[in-house]
Amino acid sequence: MHRRFLPLSALRAFEAAARLGSFKAAAEELAVTPTAVSHQIRGLEQQVGAALFTRQVRRVALTDAGTRLYPVLRDGFDAFQAALERLTEARQRPQVVISATNAFTAKWLLPRMGAFRRDLAGIDLQVQASDEIVDLRSTAVDIAIRYGRGPYPGLTVEPLFTDRFAPVANPRLGVRTIEDLARWPLIYFEWRRQHPHNPTWERWFAQAGRPEASPAGELRFSDEGHAIQAAVAGEGIALVSQALVAQELAAGQLHQPFGPSIDGHTYHVAVSAERALSHGARAVLEWLKAQAAG
């Protein structure tokens, strides 16, 4: 049988009558007359060449042929309904787009996705991880995470938290004192923008009141996340964000053997000053601030 000849109206009438045990009840559900239901089912019986119901007083019962056909149609219509509900739900669920750096996404945002699904289960989140600065006036991004000291023209910004940086290392390296800095390579990552307040090893040694160590080599990365992973792998000692290695410190993959810690820049949440936030985006913005405060 070609699909284009499927008698969908008749199949729908049959499924309703079989499920409800009554042509009259099926007619009420389908908003047609009982005569119309009876006519649809007789046409279906003629097409399949077998009776599908035995007509009884005030009710109908399935024949053997009807019993074989009913579960196939029931499951099919259930699948149709579920698919339509999913499409409708997806269309109605608010979607919020966040832009953040690769390191912030991987080390701060992703570990909190379980909390996001619990707290904002009705919102679909799309995260665009990139170290490139997006223009919130000309993109679909609702919220951007900005790291620095501004200014941020055309944006409305609120601080999330001010970062702090300290030396970290894999515990198996046995780094315990500042003198141990000379025993292992120092791990660097490149700042995309030069600023005198960037938390660099040079600033750290100056604040520690020590001359810069002559380390056993250097490792340099263009991405902070890669510098963190190198420290976890035991390749040297990294000066990285304490906020971004909180998970590794808690798990014992890294430890902070000594101070001082130095302040970095501030993470901000930024939105376009020209575009009103949706209710979903406002909820995500408040959630981000609550997570940072916690």
Protein backbone atom coordinates (compact mmCIF):
# COMPACT_ATOMS: atom_id res chain seq x y z
CA MET A 1 0.00 0.00 0.00
CA HIS A 2 1.40 3.37 -1.00
CA ARG A 3 1.60 5.91 1.82
CA ARG A 4 -0.28 8.44 -0.24
CA PHE A 5 -3.33 6.16 -0.06
CA LEU A 6 -3.25 5.71 3.72
CA PRO A 7 -6.77 6.50 5.01
CA LEU A 8 -5.58 8.64 7.92
CA SER A 9 -9.03 9.85 8.96
CA ALA A 10 -10.33 6.30 9.03
CA LEU A 11 -7.31 5.07 10.97
CA ARG A 12 -7.76 7.87 13.49
CA ALA A 13 -11.45 6.97 13.89
CA PHE A 14 -10.57 3.29 14.33
CA GLU A 15 -7.91 4.02 16.98
CA ALA A 16 -10.27 6.23 18.99
CA ALA A 17 -13.15 3.72 18.81
CA ALA A 18 -10.86 0.84 19.77
CA ARG A 19 -9.39 2.77 22.68
CA LEU A 20 -12.75 4.04 23.97
CA GLY A 21 -14.85 0.97 23.06
CA SER A 22 -17.55 3.12 21.52
CA PHE A 23 -18.28 4.83 18.21
CA LYS A 24 -20.19 7.53 20.10
CA ALA A 25 -17.28 8.29 22.47
CA ALA A 26 -14.87 8.31 19.53
CA ALA A 27 -17.14 10.76 17.71
CA GLU A 28 -17.19 13.09 20.72
CA GLU A 29 -13.39 13.02 20.96
CA LEU A 30 -12.99 13.68 17.23
CA ALA A 31 -15.76 16.31 17.14
CA VAL A 32 -17.73 14.46 14.42
CA THR A 33 -20.98 12.48 14.38
CA PRO A 34 -21.20 8.78 15.29
CA THR A 35 -22.45 8.18 11.76
CA ALA A 36 -19.25 9.69 10.37
CA VAL A 37 -17.15 7.42 12.58
CA SER A 38 -19.15 4.36 11.52
CA HIS A 39 -18.78 5.34 7.86
CA GLN A 40 -14.98 5.82 8.20
CA ILE A 41 -14.56 2.44 9.87
CA ARG A 42 -16.72 0.61 7.31
CA GLY A 43 -14.56 2.08 4.56
CA LEU A 44 -11.42 0.88 6.40
CA GLU A 45 -12.90 -2.61 6.82
CA GLN A 46 -13.64 -2.73 3.09
CA GLN A 47 -10.06 -1.67 2.33
CA VAL A 48 -8.46 -4.34 4.57
CA GLY A 49 -11.06 -6.96 3.63
CA ALA A 50 -11.94 -7.92 7.21
CA ALA A 51 -14.25 -6.82 9.99
CA LEU A 52 -12.46 -4.85 12.67
CA PHE A 53 -15.27 -4.59 15.24
CA THR A 54 -18.21 -6.62 16.41
CA ARG A 55 -21.11 -4.24 17.01
CA GLN A 56 -22.77 -4.68 20.38
CA VAL A 57 -25.42 -2.72 22.25
CA ARG A 58 -23.94 0.68 23.15
CA ARG A 59 -20.39 -0.55 22.61
CA VAL A 60 -18.10 -2.27 20.15
CA ALA A 61 -15.44 -4.93 20.58
CA LEU A 62 -12.37 -5.68 18.49
CA THR A 63 -12.22 -8.70 16.24
CA ASP A 64 -9.00 -10.66 15.79
CA ALA A 65 -8.07 -8.42 12.88
CA GLY A 66 -8.86 -5.31 14.90
CA THR A 67 -6.80 -6.62 17.82
CA ARG A 68 -3.79 -6.99 15.53
CA LEU A 69 -4.20 -3.54 14.05
CA TYR A 70 -4.94 -1.55 17.19
CA PRO A 71 -1.58 -1.66 19.05
CA VAL A 72 0.29 -0.62 15.90
CA LEU A 73 -1.94 2.42 15.46
CA ARG A 74 -1.98 3.23 19.19
CA ASP A 75 1.82 3.28 19.38
CA GLY A 76 2.05 5.23 16.15
CA PHE A 77 -0.36 7.95 17.27
CA ASP A 78 1.38 8.11 20.66
CA ALA A 79 4.68 8.66 18.85
CA PHE A 80 3.12 11.36 16.66
CA GLN A 81 1.76 13.16 19.70
CA ALA A 82 5.05 12.94 21.62
CA ALA A 83 7.00 14.30 18.65
CA LEU A 84 4.60 17.21 18.22
CA GLU A 85 4.74 18.01 21.93
CA ARG A 86 8.53 18.03 21.85
CA LEU A 87 8.53 20.39 18.89
CA THR A 88 6.01 22.67 20.56
CA GLU A 89 7.92 22.62 23.83
CA ALA A 90 11.22 23.36 22.08
CA ARG A 91 9.62 26.29 20.28
CA GLN A 92 8.16 27.67 23.48
CA ARG A 93 11.23 27.20 25.73
CA PRO A 94 13.30 30.35 26.08
CA GLN A 95 16.80 30.14 24.63
CA VAL A 96 19.66 32.22 25.99
CA VAL A 97 23.07 32.65 24.34
CA ILE A 98 26.20 33.34 26.41
CA SER A 99 29.60 34.32 25.04
CA ALA A 100 32.64 33.61 27.21
CA THR A 101 36.33 32.88 26.85
CA ASN A 102 37.47 29.31 26.30
CA ALA A 103 39.09 29.08 29.74
CA PHE A 104 36.13 30.58 31.61
CA THR A 105 33.72 28.29 29.76
CA ALA A 106 35.72 25.13 30.43
CA LYS A 107 36.83 25.84 33.99
CA TRP A 108 34.06 27.94 35.55
CA LEU A 109 30.87 27.62 33.53
CA LEU A 110 30.80 23.95 32.52
CA PRO A 111 31.29 22.60 36.07
CA ARG A 112 28.13 24.52 37.01
CA MET A 113 25.91 23.11 34.26
CA GLY A 114 24.36 20.58 36.65
CA ALA A 115 23.30 23.44 38.89
CA PHE A 116 21.99 25.34 35.86
CA ARG A 117 19.78 22.44 34.74
CA ARG A 118 18.46 22.13 38.29
CA ASP A 119 17.85 25.83 38.86
CA LEU A 120 16.71 26.90 35.37
CA ALA A 121 15.34 23.68 33.90
CA GLY A 122 12.94 25.58 31.63
CA ILE A 123 15.66 27.49 29.77
CA ASP A 124 17.87 26.21 26.95
CA LEU A 125 21.41 27.58 27.16
CA GLN A 126 23.76 28.02 24.21
CA VAL A 127 27.37 28.79 25.08
CA GLN A 128 29.68 30.33 22.50
CA ALA A 129 33.23 29.80 23.73
CA SER A 130 35.70 32.10 22.05
CA ASP A 131 38.51 34.44 23.00
CA GLU A 132 37.31 36.87 20.33
CA ILE A 133 35.20 39.77 21.56
CA VAL A 134 31.67 39.65 20.15
CA ASP A 135 29.62 42.73 19.35
CA LEU A 136 26.43 42.39 21.39
CA ARG A 137 24.69 44.96 19.21
CA SER A 138 24.94 42.90 16.02
CA THR A 139 24.82 39.28 17.18
CA ALA A 140 22.28 36.97 18.78
CA VAL A 141 24.37 36.80 21.98
CA ASP A 142 22.33 37.82 25.03
CA ILE A 143 25.06 37.88 27.70
CA ALA A 144 28.83 38.16 27.41
CA ILE A 145 31.45 37.52 30.07
CA ARG A 146 34.04 40.27 29.93
CA TYR A 147 37.38 40.06 31.72
CA GLY A 148 39.27 43.25 32.38
CA ARG A 149 38.88 46.76 33.70
CA GLY A 150 36.84 48.31 30.90
CA PRO A 151 35.61 50.68 29.76
CA TYR A 152 32.84 48.86 27.91
CA PRO A 153 31.09 51.41 25.67
CA GLY A 154 27.58 50.49 24.58
CA LEU A 155 27.27 47.81 27.25
CA THR A 156 25.63 47.55 30.63
CA VAL A 157 28.05 45.66 32.88
CA GLU A 158 27.96 44.25 36.38
CA PRO A 159 30.94 42.68 38.20
CA LEU A 160 30.90 38.95 38.85
CA PHE A 161 34.10 38.64 40.86
CA THR A 162 37.68 39.89 40.96
CA ASP A 163 40.18 37.21 40.11
CA ARG A 164 43.26 36.26 42.11
CA PHE A 165 46.32 34.40 40.84
CA ALA A 166 48.73 32.14 42.70
CA PRO A 167 51.34 29.48 41.86
CA VAL A 168 49.89 25.96 41.55
CA ALA A 169 51.48 22.63 40.81
CA ASN A 170 50.71 18.95 40.74
CA PRO A 171 51.34 17.65 44.31
CA ARG A 172 53.60 14.89 43.02
CA LEU A 173 56.23 17.49 42.03
CA GLY A 174 56.88 18.10 45.71
CA VAL A 175 56.81 21.89 45.38
CA ARG A 176 56.63 23.32 48.91
CA THR A 177 58.70 26.52 49.11
CA ILE A 178 59.50 29.44 46.84
CA GLU A 179 62.97 27.99 46.36
CA ASP A 180 61.35 25.04 44.57
CA LEU A 181 60.41 27.39 41.72
CA ALA A 182 63.93 26.93 40.39
CA ARG A 183 63.51 23.15 40.18
CA TRP A 184 60.68 23.03 37.63
CA PRO A 185 59.70 24.88 34.47
CA LEU A 186 57.50 27.92 34.94
CA ILE A 187 54.31 27.80 32.90
CA TYR A 188 53.16 30.99 31.17
CA PHE A 189 50.21 31.93 29.03
CA GLU A 190 50.00 34.93 26.76
CA TRP A 191 47.65 37.79 27.56
CA ARG A 192 45.77 38.93 24.48
CA ARG A 193 45.97 42.54 25.64
CA GLN A 194 48.97 44.01 27.33
CA HIS A 195 48.14 45.83 30.56
CA PRO A 196 50.44 46.78 33.46
CA HIS A 197 48.06 45.07 35.89
CA ASN A 198 48.07 41.71 34.11
CA PRO A 199 48.86 39.03 36.73
CA THR A 200 52.17 37.83 35.32
CA TRP A 201 55.07 35.95 36.88
CA GLU A 202 57.02 39.23 36.80
CA ARG A 203 54.35 40.93 38.94
CA TRP A 204 54.17 37.93 41.24
CA PHE A 205 57.94 37.92 41.95
CA ALA A 206 57.86 41.68 42.56
CA GLN A 207 55.01 41.31 45.08
CA ALA A 208 56.77 38.36 46.71
CA GLY A 209 59.86 40.56 47.13
CA ARG A 210 62.02 38.01 45.33
CA PRO A 211 64.18 38.20 42.24
CA GLU A 212 62.78 36.18 39.37
CA ALA A 213 63.81 32.55 39.57
CA SER A 214 66.02 30.97 36.97
CA PRO A 215 63.74 28.04 36.31
CA ALA A 216 64.53 24.72 34.74
CA GLY A 217 62.97 25.88 31.49
CA GLU A 218 59.72 27.55 30.49
CA LEU A 219 56.45 26.47 28.90
CA ARG A 220 54.35 29.11 27.13
CA PHE A 221 50.80 28.75 25.91
CA SER A 222 48.42 31.01 24.06
CA ASP A 223 45.47 29.79 26.14
CA GLU A 224 45.07 29.84 29.92
CA GLY A 225 43.17 26.56 29.89
CA HIS A 226 46.14 24.82 28.28
CA ALA A 227 48.46 26.25 30.93
CA ILE A 228 46.17 24.81 33.62
CA GLN A 229 46.16 21.39 31.95
CA ALA A 230 49.96 21.46 31.72
CA ALA A 231 50.16 22.10 35.46
CA VAL A 232 47.72 19.24 36.14
CA ALA A 233 49.92 16.99 33.99
CA GLY A 234 52.91 17.86 36.20
CA GLU A 235 54.83 19.74 33.51
CA GLY A 236 55.75 22.65 35.76
CA ILE A 237 54.42 25.40 38.00
CA ALA A 238 51.73 27.72 36.69
CA LEU A 239 50.54 31.13 37.85
CA VAL A 240 46.82 30.87 37.11
CA SER A 241 43.41 32.01 38.24
CA GLN A 242 42.32 30.52 41.53
CA ALA A 243 38.71 30.72 40.39
CA LEU A 244 39.44 28.67 37.28
CA VAL A 245 41.37 25.93 39.11
CA ALA A 246 38.96 25.63 42.05
CA GLN A 247 37.80 22.21 40.82
CA GLU A 248 41.37 20.89 40.40
CA LEU A 249 42.37 22.22 43.83
CA ALA A 250 39.34 20.56 45.47
CA ALA A 251 40.09 17.27 43.71
CA GLY A 252 43.77 17.32 44.73
CA GLN A 253 44.99 17.46 41.13
CA LEU A 254 46.69 20.75 41.96
CA HIS A 255 47.78 22.46 45.15
CA GLN A 256 48.81 26.00 46.01
CA PRO A 257 52.04 25.46 47.98
CA PHE A 258 52.72 29.07 48.96
CA GLY A 259 51.76 32.70 48.42
CA PRO A 260 51.39 35.43 47.80
CA SER A 261 48.32 35.54 45.62
CA ILE A 262 48.00 38.62 43.46
CA ASP A 263 44.86 40.27 42.21
CA GLY A 264 43.96 39.95 38.56
CA HIS A 265 41.21 41.67 36.63
CA THR A 266 37.46 41.48 37.19
CA TYR A 267 34.99 39.22 35.45
CA HIS A 268 31.87 41.11 34.39
CA VAL A 269 28.54 40.12 32.92
CA ALA A 270 27.77 42.41 30.02
CA VAL A 271 24.59 42.99 28.03
CA SER A 272 23.75 45.41 25.27
CA ALA A 273 22.65 48.79 26.54
CA GLU A 274 20.45 49.14 23.44
CA ARG A 275 18.50 45.89 23.67
CA ALA A 276 16.11 44.83 26.41
CA LEU A 277 16.79 41.46 27.99
CA SER A 278 14.21 38.70 27.67
CA HIS A 279 12.83 37.15 30.84
CA GLY A 280 14.97 34.07 30.19
CA ALA A 281 18.16 36.10 29.73
CA ARG A 282 17.40 38.10 32.88
CA ALA A 283 16.98 34.82 34.81
CA VAL A 284 20.34 33.54 33.49
CA LEU A 285 22.01 36.84 34.38
CA GLU A 286 20.76 36.62 37.97
CA TRP A 287 21.81 32.95 38.12
CA LEU A 288 25.37 33.82 37.03
CA LYS A 289 25.60 36.51 39.71
CA ALA A 290 24.29 34.11 42.37
CA GLN A 291 26.83 31.46 41.34
CA ALA A 292 29.66 33.98 41.56
CA ALA A 293 28.49 35.15 44.97
CA GLY A 294 28.31 31.57 46.18
